[in-house]
Amino acid sequence: MHEPDQAPAIPAARVPSPGLLALSLAFARMSLAGFGGVLVFARRAIVEQHCWMTADEFNETFALCHFLPGPNIVNLSMVFGSRLRGIAGGVAAFTGLLLPPTLIMTVLAIIYARFGDVEMLRRSLAGISCAAVGLLIAVVFRMMTPLLKRMEIVVLILMLGVFLAIGVLRLPLQAVLLVAIPLSIGITYVMRRKVAA
């Protein structure tokens, strides 16, 4: 009776790691599907479609990517690819993520240089930017779901505190992280010790 409850918790262990080509193609599909919002498609592909990670593992990996220099989604491709296939996997995921949009953006830049003054093009770009913001809000709520399901008040307070510090009070990101990271690690350590005990 207890076995069915445990089965969904370890889907990533049963799914074989993808080959380098499959990894590169998966990230290429994410980048092509997600102009302005790759994170939404990355989470869907990694967690829901391929089951390469659980939702919690994805959140933890993405949190790590926030502390590395460079764009978060690029860091995610490198960390995730390296985790599955070593350095070659990181390079494959990175290449798959960046090569298709780079080629497309080069072509679009040439077109924009010629026709950038056309009013219809400007309105189209404004509409695309609104859609990108909507996608970002959607992925934030999906990533919050595992945290909200735990209903641990300390985690919610920490999350709200970071949001207020950066989003409302506009404190420097580095200063907030210097406080939030040790607090988060300490809280997680204490909570896991309580569960183990």
N, C-alpha and C. Protein backbone atom coordinates (compact mmCIF):
# COMPACT_ATOMS: atom_id res chain seq x y z
N MET A 1 0.82 -1.20 0.00
CA MET A 1 0.00 0.00 0.00
C MET A 1 0.85 1.25 0.00
N HIS A 2 2.05 1.12 0.58
CA HIS A 2 2.94 2.28 0.65
C HIS A 2 3.72 2.48 -0.65
N GLU A 3 3.85 1.42 -1.46
CA GLU A 3 4.67 1.49 -2.68
C GLU A 3 4.14 2.46 -3.72
N PRO A 4 2.79 2.52 -3.99
CA PRO A 4 2.30 3.48 -4.98
C PRO A 4 2.60 4.92 -4.62
N ASP A 5 2.65 5.24 -3.27
CA ASP A 5 2.96 6.61 -2.86
C ASP A 5 4.40 6.96 -3.18
N GLN A 6 5.29 5.97 -3.15
CA GLN A 6 6.70 6.26 -3.37
C GLN A 6 7.04 6.33 -4.86
N ALA A 7 6.28 5.67 -5.72
CA ALA A 7 6.61 5.60 -7.14
C ALA A 7 6.73 6.98 -7.80
N PRO A 8 5.78 7.94 -7.58
CA PRO A 8 5.93 9.23 -8.25
C PRO A 8 7.12 10.04 -7.74
N ALA A 9 7.62 9.73 -6.54
CA ALA A 9 8.69 10.54 -5.96
C ALA A 9 10.03 10.30 -6.61
N ILE A 10 10.19 9.18 -7.35
CA ILE A 10 11.49 8.89 -7.93
C ILE A 10 11.43 8.61 -9.43
N PRO A 11 10.69 9.43 -10.21
CA PRO A 11 10.62 9.16 -11.63
C PRO A 11 11.94 9.35 -12.33
N ALA A 12 12.77 10.30 -11.84
CA ALA A 12 14.02 10.60 -12.53
C ALA A 12 14.97 9.43 -12.48
N ALA A 13 14.88 8.58 -11.42
CA ALA A 13 15.80 7.46 -11.29
C ALA A 13 15.52 6.40 -12.35
N ARG A 14 14.29 6.32 -12.83
CA ARG A 14 13.93 5.28 -13.80
C ARG A 14 14.19 5.71 -15.24
N VAL A 15 14.24 6.99 -15.48
CA VAL A 15 14.41 7.48 -16.84
C VAL A 15 15.89 7.50 -17.18
N PRO A 16 16.29 6.81 -18.25
CA PRO A 16 17.72 6.81 -18.60
C PRO A 16 18.16 8.20 -19.06
N SER A 17 19.41 8.53 -18.78
CA SER A 17 19.94 9.82 -19.21
C SER A 17 19.97 9.88 -20.73
N PRO A 18 19.62 11.04 -21.30
CA PRO A 18 19.61 11.15 -22.76
C PRO A 18 21.04 11.18 -23.31
N GLY A 19 21.18 10.80 -24.58
CA GLY A 19 22.46 10.92 -25.25
C GLY A 19 22.76 12.38 -25.54
N LEU A 20 23.97 12.67 -26.02
CA LEU A 20 24.37 14.04 -26.28
C LEU A 20 23.49 14.70 -27.34
N LEU A 21 23.18 13.96 -28.41
CA LEU A 21 22.33 14.53 -29.46
C LEU A 21 20.92 14.80 -28.95
N ALA A 22 20.37 13.85 -28.19
CA ALA A 22 19.02 14.03 -27.63
C ALA A 22 18.99 15.22 -26.68
N LEU A 23 20.04 15.37 -25.89
CA LEU A 23 20.14 16.49 -24.95
C LEU A 23 20.19 17.82 -25.71
N SER A 24 21.01 17.86 -26.74
CA SER A 24 21.14 19.08 -27.54
C SER A 24 19.83 19.42 -28.24
N LEU A 25 19.17 18.40 -28.81
CA LEU A 25 17.90 18.63 -29.51
C LEU A 25 16.80 19.07 -28.55
N ALA A 26 16.80 18.50 -27.33
CA ALA A 26 15.79 18.89 -26.34
C ALA A 26 15.93 20.37 -25.99
N PHE A 27 17.16 20.83 -25.77
CA PHE A 27 17.36 22.24 -25.44
C PHE A 27 17.13 23.14 -26.66
N ALA A 28 17.39 22.62 -27.86
CA ALA A 28 17.09 23.39 -29.07
C ALA A 28 15.58 23.60 -29.19
N ARG A 29 14.80 22.55 -28.91
CA ARG A 29 13.33 22.68 -28.96
C ARG A 29 12.84 23.68 -27.92
N MET A 30 13.45 23.63 -26.72
CA MET A 30 13.06 24.58 -25.67
C MET A 30 13.30 26.01 -26.13
N SER A 31 14.47 26.26 -26.70
CA SER A 31 14.81 27.63 -27.09
C SER A 31 13.95 28.11 -28.26
N LEU A 32 13.62 27.22 -29.16
CA LEU A 32 12.78 27.60 -30.31
C LEU A 32 11.33 27.82 -29.90
N ALA A 33 10.88 27.09 -28.89
CA ALA A 33 9.49 27.23 -28.44
C ALA A 33 9.32 28.43 -27.51
N GLY A 34 10.41 28.86 -26.90
CA GLY A 34 10.26 29.82 -25.82
C GLY A 34 10.96 31.14 -25.99
N PHE A 35 10.79 31.79 -27.13
CA PHE A 35 11.36 33.13 -27.27
C PHE A 35 10.73 34.04 -26.22
N GLY A 36 11.56 34.64 -25.39
CA GLY A 36 11.08 35.53 -24.34
C GLY A 36 10.67 34.79 -23.08
N GLY A 37 10.68 33.47 -23.09
CA GLY A 37 10.27 32.73 -21.90
C GLY A 37 10.72 31.29 -21.94
N VAL A 38 12.00 31.06 -22.13
CA VAL A 38 12.53 29.69 -22.26
C VAL A 38 12.35 28.89 -20.98
N LEU A 39 12.38 29.56 -19.84
CA LEU A 39 12.28 28.86 -18.56
C LEU A 39 11.00 28.04 -18.46
N VAL A 40 9.90 28.57 -18.96
CA VAL A 40 8.62 27.85 -18.94
C VAL A 40 8.75 26.52 -19.66
N PHE A 41 9.34 26.57 -20.85
CA PHE A 41 9.46 25.37 -21.68
C PHE A 41 10.54 24.43 -21.15
N ALA A 42 11.58 25.00 -20.55
CA ALA A 42 12.64 24.17 -19.97
C ALA A 42 12.08 23.35 -18.81
N ARG A 43 11.31 23.99 -17.95
CA ARG A 43 10.72 23.27 -16.82
C ARG A 43 9.76 22.19 -17.30
N ARG A 44 8.92 22.55 -18.27
CA ARG A 44 7.95 21.58 -18.79
C ARG A 44 8.66 20.36 -19.39
N ALA A 45 9.70 20.61 -20.18
CA ALA A 45 10.41 19.50 -20.84
C ALA A 45 11.18 18.65 -19.84
N ILE A 46 11.91 19.30 -18.94
CA ILE A 46 12.78 18.57 -18.01
C ILE A 46 11.99 17.83 -16.94
N VAL A 47 10.97 18.50 -16.38
CA VAL A 47 10.23 17.92 -15.25
C VAL A 47 9.04 17.08 -15.71
N GLU A 48 8.22 17.62 -16.61
CA GLU A 48 6.95 16.97 -16.95
C GLU A 48 7.06 16.02 -18.14
N GLN A 49 7.72 16.47 -19.20
CA GLN A 49 7.74 15.66 -20.42
C GLN A 49 8.73 14.50 -20.33
N HIS A 50 9.99 14.80 -20.01
CA HIS A 50 11.03 13.76 -20.00
C HIS A 50 11.28 13.14 -18.62
N CYS A 51 10.79 13.79 -17.56
CA CYS A 51 10.99 13.32 -16.17
C CYS A 51 12.47 13.13 -15.84
N TRP A 52 13.31 14.04 -16.33
CA TRP A 52 14.74 13.96 -16.04
C TRP A 52 15.04 14.50 -14.65
N MET A 53 14.12 15.29 -14.08
CA MET A 53 14.26 15.84 -12.73
C MET A 53 12.88 15.92 -12.09
N THR A 54 12.86 15.91 -10.77
CA THR A 54 11.61 16.21 -10.06
C THR A 54 11.45 17.72 -10.00
N ALA A 55 10.27 18.18 -9.60
CA ALA A 55 10.03 19.63 -9.49
C ALA A 55 10.97 20.25 -8.47
N ASP A 56 11.19 19.55 -7.35
CA ASP A 56 12.10 20.07 -6.33
C ASP A 56 13.54 20.14 -6.83
N GLU A 57 13.98 19.11 -7.54
CA GLU A 57 15.34 19.11 -8.09
C GLU A 57 15.52 20.26 -9.08
N PHE A 58 14.50 20.50 -9.89
CA PHE A 58 14.58 21.60 -10.86
C PHE A 58 14.69 22.93 -10.13
N ASN A 59 13.87 23.13 -9.10
CA ASN A 59 13.92 24.38 -8.34
C ASN A 59 15.28 24.58 -7.69
N GLU A 60 15.84 23.49 -7.12
CA GLU A 60 17.15 23.59 -6.48
C GLU A 60 18.24 23.91 -7.49
N THR A 61 18.18 23.26 -8.66
CA THR A 61 19.18 23.52 -9.71
C THR A 61 19.05 24.94 -10.23
N PHE A 62 17.81 25.39 -10.41
CA PHE A 62 17.60 26.75 -10.91
C PHE A 62 18.04 27.77 -9.87
N ALA A 63 17.84 27.46 -8.59
CA ALA A 63 18.31 28.36 -7.53
C ALA A 63 19.83 28.48 -7.58
N LEU A 64 20.52 27.36 -7.79
CA LEU A 64 21.98 27.38 -7.92
C LEU A 64 22.39 28.28 -9.09
N CYS A 65 21.65 28.20 -10.19
CA CYS A 65 21.99 28.97 -11.39
C CYS A 65 21.88 30.48 -11.17
N HIS A 66 21.08 30.89 -10.19
CA HIS A 66 20.96 32.31 -9.86
C HIS A 66 22.26 32.85 -9.27
N PHE A 67 23.04 31.99 -8.64
CA PHE A 67 24.26 32.44 -7.97
C PHE A 67 25.49 32.34 -8.86
N LEU A 68 25.31 31.88 -10.09
CA LEU A 68 26.42 31.80 -11.04
C LEU A 68 26.35 33.00 -11.98
N PRO A 69 27.49 33.50 -12.44
CA PRO A 69 27.44 34.63 -13.37
C PRO A 69 26.85 34.22 -14.72
N GLY A 70 26.12 35.14 -15.33
CA GLY A 70 25.54 34.87 -16.65
C GLY A 70 24.04 34.65 -16.58
N PRO A 71 23.39 34.52 -17.74
CA PRO A 71 21.94 34.31 -17.79
C PRO A 71 21.55 32.98 -17.13
N ASN A 72 20.48 33.01 -16.35
CA ASN A 72 20.06 31.83 -15.58
C ASN A 72 19.78 30.62 -16.46
N ILE A 73 19.11 30.82 -17.58
CA ILE A 73 18.73 29.67 -18.42
C ILE A 73 19.96 29.06 -19.08
N VAL A 74 20.96 29.89 -19.40
CA VAL A 74 22.21 29.36 -19.96
C VAL A 74 22.94 28.55 -18.89
N ASN A 75 22.97 29.10 -17.67
CA ASN A 75 23.58 28.36 -16.56
C ASN A 75 22.86 27.04 -16.33
N LEU A 76 21.52 27.07 -16.43
CA LEU A 76 20.74 25.85 -16.24
C LEU A 76 21.12 24.79 -17.27
N SER A 77 21.28 25.21 -18.52
CA SER A 77 21.65 24.24 -19.56
C SER A 77 23.00 23.61 -19.25
N MET A 78 23.95 24.41 -18.81
CA MET A 78 25.29 23.89 -18.50
C MET A 78 25.27 22.96 -17.28
N VAL A 79 24.61 23.41 -16.22
CA VAL A 79 24.55 22.60 -14.99
C VAL A 79 23.80 21.30 -15.24
N PHE A 80 22.65 21.40 -15.91
CA PHE A 80 21.84 20.22 -16.16
C PHE A 80 22.55 19.24 -17.08
N GLY A 81 23.10 19.75 -18.20
CA GLY A 81 23.81 18.88 -19.13
C GLY A 81 25.01 18.21 -18.49
N SER A 82 25.75 18.96 -17.67
CA SER A 82 26.92 18.40 -16.97
C SER A 82 26.51 17.34 -15.97
N ARG A 83 25.37 17.57 -15.34
CA ARG A 83 24.88 16.60 -14.35
C ARG A 83 24.56 15.26 -15.00
N LEU A 84 24.01 15.30 -16.21
CA LEU A 84 23.61 14.06 -16.88
C LEU A 84 24.74 13.40 -17.67
N ARG A 85 25.56 14.22 -18.35
CA ARG A 85 26.56 13.66 -19.27
C ARG A 85 27.94 14.28 -19.13
N GLY A 86 28.23 14.87 -18.00
CA GLY A 86 29.55 15.45 -17.80
C GLY A 86 29.74 16.73 -18.62
N ILE A 87 31.00 17.09 -18.85
CA ILE A 87 31.31 18.33 -19.57
C ILE A 87 30.72 18.30 -20.98
N ALA A 88 30.80 17.15 -21.65
CA ALA A 88 30.24 17.05 -23.01
C ALA A 88 28.74 17.30 -23.00
N GLY A 89 28.04 16.84 -21.96
CA GLY A 89 26.61 17.09 -21.84
C GLY A 89 26.31 18.56 -21.64
N GLY A 90 27.14 19.23 -20.83
CA GLY A 90 26.97 20.67 -20.63
C GLY A 90 27.13 21.44 -21.93
N VAL A 91 28.16 21.07 -22.70
CA VAL A 91 28.40 21.73 -23.99
C VAL A 91 27.26 21.44 -24.97
N ALA A 92 26.76 20.20 -24.98
CA ALA A 92 25.66 19.83 -25.88
C ALA A 92 24.40 20.61 -25.56
N ALA A 93 24.05 20.70 -24.27
CA ALA A 93 22.85 21.44 -23.87
C ALA A 93 23.01 22.93 -24.17
N PHE A 94 24.18 23.46 -23.87
CA PHE A 94 24.49 24.88 -24.12
C PHE A 94 24.37 25.21 -25.61
N THR A 95 24.95 24.35 -26.44
CA THR A 95 24.90 24.56 -27.90
C THR A 95 23.47 24.46 -28.42
N GLY A 96 22.74 23.45 -27.95
CA GLY A 96 21.35 23.30 -28.36
C GLY A 96 20.50 24.49 -27.97
N LEU A 97 20.78 25.03 -26.79
CA LEU A 97 20.00 26.17 -26.30
C LEU A 97 20.27 27.44 -27.10
N LEU A 98 21.53 27.70 -27.42
CA LEU A 98 21.89 28.99 -28.00
C LEU A 98 21.99 29.04 -29.52
N LEU A 99 22.34 27.93 -30.16
CA LEU A 99 22.58 27.99 -31.61
C LEU A 99 21.34 28.36 -32.42
N PRO A 100 20.18 27.68 -32.24
CA PRO A 100 19.02 28.04 -33.07
C PRO A 100 18.56 29.49 -32.90
N PRO A 101 18.39 29.99 -31.65
CA PRO A 101 17.95 31.39 -31.53
C PRO A 101 18.99 32.39 -32.03
N THR A 102 20.27 32.04 -31.91
CA THR A 102 21.31 32.95 -32.41
C THR A 102 21.18 33.11 -33.92
N LEU A 103 20.98 32.01 -34.62
CA LEU A 103 20.81 32.08 -36.07
C LEU A 103 19.55 32.86 -36.44
N ILE A 104 18.46 32.58 -35.73
CA ILE A 104 17.19 33.27 -36.02
C ILE A 104 17.30 34.76 -35.72
N MET A 105 17.92 35.10 -34.58
CA MET A 105 18.04 36.51 -34.21
C MET A 105 18.95 37.27 -35.18
N THR A 106 19.94 36.60 -35.73
CA THR A 106 20.80 37.25 -36.73
C THR A 106 19.98 37.63 -37.96
N VAL A 107 19.14 36.70 -38.41
CA VAL A 107 18.27 36.98 -39.57
C VAL A 107 17.28 38.09 -39.24
N LEU A 108 16.66 38.03 -38.04
CA LEU A 108 15.69 39.05 -37.64
C LEU A 108 16.34 40.42 -37.49
N ALA A 109 17.58 40.45 -37.01
CA ALA A 109 18.29 41.73 -36.87
C ALA A 109 18.51 42.37 -38.23
N ILE A 110 18.82 41.56 -39.21
CA ILE A 110 19.01 42.08 -40.58
C ILE A 110 17.69 42.64 -41.10
N ILE A 111 16.59 41.91 -40.86
CA ILE A 111 15.26 42.38 -41.30
C ILE A 111 14.88 43.66 -40.57
N TYR A 112 15.13 43.71 -39.24
CA TYR A 112 14.77 44.89 -38.45
C TYR A 112 15.58 46.11 -38.88
N ALA A 113 16.84 45.89 -39.25
CA ALA A 113 17.68 47.00 -39.71
C ALA A 113 17.10 47.63 -40.97
N ARG A 114 16.44 46.83 -41.78
CA ARG A 114 15.86 47.36 -43.03
C ARG A 114 14.45 47.91 -42.84
N PHE A 115 13.65 47.25 -41.98
CA PHE A 115 12.23 47.61 -41.88
C PHE A 115 11.82 48.04 -40.46
N GLY A 116 12.77 48.48 -39.64
CA GLY A 116 12.49 48.82 -38.25
C GLY A 116 11.54 49.98 -38.05
N ASP A 117 11.39 50.84 -39.05
CA ASP A 117 10.52 52.01 -38.92
C ASP A 117 9.06 51.71 -39.22
N VAL A 118 8.76 50.50 -39.67
CA VAL A 118 7.38 50.14 -40.02
C VAL A 118 6.55 50.02 -38.73
N GLU A 119 5.43 50.74 -38.69
CA GLU A 119 4.60 50.79 -37.48
C GLU A 119 4.06 49.43 -37.08
N MET A 120 3.67 48.62 -38.04
CA MET A 120 3.12 47.30 -37.75
C MET A 120 4.15 46.42 -37.03
N LEU A 121 5.40 46.55 -37.41
CA LEU A 121 6.46 45.78 -36.77
C LEU A 121 6.64 46.22 -35.32
N ARG A 122 6.57 47.51 -35.07
CA ARG A 122 6.70 48.03 -33.70
C ARG A 122 5.56 47.51 -32.81
N ARG A 123 4.35 47.51 -33.34
CA ARG A 123 3.20 47.03 -32.56
C ARG A 123 3.32 45.53 -32.28
N SER A 124 3.82 44.79 -33.25
CA SER A 124 4.02 43.35 -33.05
C SER A 124 5.01 43.08 -31.93
N LEU A 125 6.10 43.85 -31.90
CA LEU A 125 7.11 43.67 -30.85
C LEU A 125 6.54 44.02 -29.48
N ALA A 126 5.68 45.03 -29.41
CA ALA A 126 5.05 45.39 -28.13
C ALA A 126 4.16 44.25 -27.64
N GLY A 127 3.41 43.63 -28.55
CA GLY A 127 2.57 42.48 -28.17
C GLY A 127 3.39 41.30 -27.71
N ILE A 128 4.51 41.05 -28.37
CA ILE A 128 5.38 39.94 -27.98
C ILE A 128 5.94 40.16 -26.59
N SER A 129 6.31 41.40 -26.26
CA SER A 129 6.87 41.67 -24.93
C SER A 129 5.83 41.43 -23.83
N CYS A 130 4.56 41.75 -24.09
CA CYS A 130 3.50 41.47 -23.11
C CYS A 130 3.34 39.97 -22.89
N ALA A 131 3.40 39.21 -23.97
CA ALA A 131 3.29 37.75 -23.85
C ALA A 131 4.46 37.18 -23.05
N ALA A 132 5.65 37.75 -23.23
CA ALA A 132 6.82 37.27 -22.50
C ALA A 132 6.67 37.50 -21.00
N VAL A 133 6.11 38.64 -20.61
CA VAL A 133 5.87 38.92 -19.19
C VAL A 133 4.86 37.92 -18.63
N GLY A 134 3.81 37.63 -19.39
CA GLY A 134 2.81 36.65 -18.94
C GLY A 134 3.41 35.27 -18.74
N LEU A 135 4.30 34.86 -19.65
CA LEU A 135 4.97 33.56 -19.50
C LEU A 135 5.83 33.52 -18.25
N LEU A 136 6.53 34.62 -17.97
CA LEU A 136 7.38 34.67 -16.79
C LEU A 136 6.56 34.55 -15.51
N ILE A 137 5.43 35.24 -15.46
CA ILE A 137 4.55 35.14 -14.29
C ILE A 137 4.03 33.72 -14.13
N ALA A 138 3.68 33.08 -15.24
CA ALA A 138 3.17 31.70 -15.18
C ALA A 138 4.21 30.74 -14.62
N VAL A 139 5.46 30.87 -15.05
CA VAL A 139 6.49 29.94 -14.56
C VAL A 139 6.82 30.20 -13.10
N VAL A 140 6.74 31.45 -12.66
CA VAL A 140 6.97 31.74 -11.24
C VAL A 140 5.95 31.02 -10.38
N PHE A 141 4.68 31.06 -10.78
CA PHE A 141 3.65 30.38 -10.01
C PHE A 141 3.84 28.86 -10.02
N ARG A 142 4.27 28.31 -11.17
CA ARG A 142 4.49 26.86 -11.24
C ARG A 142 5.66 26.44 -10.37
N MET A 143 6.69 27.27 -10.31
CA MET A 143 7.85 26.93 -9.48
C MET A 143 7.53 27.10 -8.00
N MET A 144 6.58 27.97 -7.68
CA MET A 144 6.19 28.16 -6.28
C MET A 144 5.33 27.02 -5.76
N THR A 145 4.68 26.27 -6.65
CA THR A 145 3.74 25.23 -6.23
C THR A 145 4.34 24.23 -5.25
N PRO A 146 5.55 23.66 -5.53
CA PRO A 146 6.10 22.71 -4.55
C PRO A 146 6.34 23.34 -3.18
N LEU A 147 6.74 24.62 -3.16
CA LEU A 147 6.96 25.30 -1.88
C LEU A 147 5.65 25.52 -1.14
N LEU A 148 4.61 25.90 -1.88
CA LEU A 148 3.32 26.14 -1.24
C LEU A 148 2.68 24.85 -0.76
N LYS A 149 2.94 23.73 -1.45
CA LYS A 149 2.38 22.44 -1.02
C LYS A 149 2.94 22.02 0.33
N ARG A 150 4.19 22.37 0.58
CA ARG A 150 4.79 22.01 1.87
C ARG A 150 4.16 22.79 3.02
N MET A 151 3.68 24.00 2.69
CA MET A 151 3.03 24.87 3.67
C MET A 151 3.90 25.08 4.91
N GLU A 152 5.20 25.21 4.73
CA GLU A 152 6.10 25.50 5.84
C GLU A 152 6.18 27.01 5.96
N ILE A 153 5.71 27.53 7.07
CA ILE A 153 5.58 28.97 7.26
C ILE A 153 6.94 29.67 7.17
N VAL A 154 8.00 29.02 7.65
CA VAL A 154 9.33 29.64 7.63
C VAL A 154 9.80 29.85 6.19
N VAL A 155 9.55 28.86 5.33
CA VAL A 155 9.95 28.97 3.92
C VAL A 155 9.17 30.09 3.24
N LEU A 156 7.88 30.18 3.52
CA LEU A 156 7.05 31.22 2.92
C LEU A 156 7.48 32.61 3.39
N ILE A 157 7.84 32.73 4.67
CA ILE A 157 8.30 34.02 5.21
C ILE A 157 9.61 34.43 4.54
N LEU A 158 10.53 33.47 4.38
CA LEU A 158 11.80 33.76 3.73
C LEU A 158 11.58 34.20 2.28
N MET A 159 10.71 33.49 1.57
CA MET A 159 10.41 33.83 0.18
C MET A 159 9.79 35.23 0.09
N LEU A 160 8.86 35.53 0.97
CA LEU A 160 8.23 36.85 0.99
C LEU A 160 9.24 37.94 1.34
N GLY A 161 10.14 37.63 2.29
CA GLY A 161 11.16 38.60 2.69
C GLY A 161 12.09 38.96 1.54
N VAL A 162 12.51 37.96 0.78
CA VAL A 162 13.39 38.22 -0.38
C VAL A 162 12.64 39.04 -1.43
N PHE A 163 11.38 38.70 -1.66
CA PHE A 163 10.57 39.46 -2.63
C PHE A 163 10.44 40.92 -2.21
N LEU A 164 10.13 41.16 -0.93
CA LEU A 164 9.98 42.53 -0.45
C LEU A 164 11.30 43.29 -0.52
N ALA A 165 12.40 42.63 -0.14
CA ALA A 165 13.70 43.30 -0.13
C ALA A 165 14.12 43.73 -1.53
N ILE A 166 13.92 42.84 -2.51
CA ILE A 166 14.38 43.15 -3.88
C ILE A 166 13.31 43.88 -4.68
N GLY A 167 12.07 43.38 -4.63
CA GLY A 167 11.01 43.93 -5.48
C GLY A 167 10.40 45.22 -4.98
N VAL A 168 10.28 45.38 -3.65
CA VAL A 168 9.61 46.56 -3.11
C VAL A 168 10.62 47.59 -2.60
N LEU A 169 11.53 47.14 -1.72
CA LEU A 169 12.50 48.06 -1.13
C LEU A 169 13.67 48.36 -2.07
N ARG A 170 13.82 47.56 -3.12
CA ARG A 170 14.88 47.75 -4.12
C ARG A 170 16.28 47.73 -3.51
N LEU A 171 16.48 46.84 -2.55
CA LEU A 171 17.80 46.67 -1.96
C LEU A 171 18.72 45.99 -2.98
N PRO A 172 20.03 46.20 -2.88
CA PRO A 172 20.94 45.56 -3.83
C PRO A 172 20.85 44.03 -3.75
N LEU A 173 20.83 43.40 -4.91
CA LEU A 173 20.69 41.95 -4.99
C LEU A 173 21.78 41.23 -4.21
N GLN A 174 23.03 41.70 -4.34
CA GLN A 174 24.14 41.04 -3.66
C GLN A 174 23.96 41.05 -2.15
N ALA A 175 23.50 42.18 -1.60
CA ALA A 175 23.31 42.29 -0.15
C ALA A 175 22.21 41.35 0.32
N VAL A 176 21.12 41.28 -0.45
CA VAL A 176 20.01 40.39 -0.09
C VAL A 176 20.47 38.94 -0.13
N LEU A 177 21.24 38.57 -1.16
CA LEU A 177 21.72 37.19 -1.27
C LEU A 177 22.68 36.83 -0.15
N LEU A 178 23.51 37.78 0.28
CA LEU A 178 24.44 37.52 1.38
C LEU A 178 23.71 37.17 2.67
N VAL A 179 22.51 37.72 2.83
CA VAL A 179 21.70 37.39 4.01
C VAL A 179 20.84 36.16 3.75
N ALA A 180 20.21 36.10 2.57
CA ALA A 180 19.23 35.05 2.28
C ALA A 180 19.86 33.67 2.13
N ILE A 181 21.04 33.59 1.53
CA ILE A 181 21.65 32.27 1.29
C ILE A 181 21.98 31.56 2.60
N PRO A 182 22.73 32.20 3.52
CA PRO A 182 23.00 31.49 4.79
C PRO A 182 21.72 31.16 5.56
N LEU A 183 20.75 32.08 5.54
CA LEU A 183 19.48 31.81 6.22
C LEU A 183 18.78 30.60 5.62
N SER A 184 18.72 30.56 4.30
CA SER A 184 18.07 29.45 3.61
C SER A 184 18.75 28.12 3.90
N ILE A 185 20.08 28.11 3.84
CA ILE A 185 20.83 26.88 4.13
C ILE A 185 20.60 26.44 5.57
N GLY A 186 20.66 27.40 6.49
CA GLY A 186 20.45 27.07 7.91
C GLY A 186 19.06 26.53 8.18
N ILE A 187 18.05 27.18 7.60
CA ILE A 187 16.66 26.74 7.80
C ILE A 187 16.46 25.34 7.23
N THR A 188 16.98 25.11 6.02
CA THR A 188 16.85 23.79 5.40
C THR A 188 17.53 22.72 6.23
N TYR A 189 18.71 23.03 6.75
CA TYR A 189 19.46 22.07 7.58
C TYR A 189 18.67 21.71 8.83
N VAL A 190 18.13 22.72 9.51
CA VAL A 190 17.37 22.48 10.75
C VAL A 190 16.10 21.69 10.45
N MET A 191 15.40 22.03 9.37
CA MET A 191 14.16 21.34 9.04
C MET A 191 14.40 19.89 8.66
N ARG A 192 15.49 19.62 7.93
CA ARG A 192 15.79 18.23 7.56
C ARG A 192 16.22 17.41 8.77
N ARG A 193 16.90 18.03 9.71
CA ARG A 193 17.27 17.31 10.94
C ARG A 193 16.03 16.95 11.75
N LYS A 194 15.05 17.86 11.75
CA LYS A 194 13.80 17.57 12.48
C LYS A 194 13.07 16.40 11.84
N VAL A 195 13.04 16.37 10.49
CA VAL A 195 12.37 15.28 9.78
C VAL A 195 13.09 13.96 10.04
N ALA A 196 14.42 13.99 10.03
CA ALA A 196 15.21 12.77 10.25
C ALA A 196 15.07 12.24 11.67
N ALA A 197 14.83 13.16 12.62
CA ALA A 197 14.73 12.75 14.02
C ALA A 197 13.40 12.20 14.38
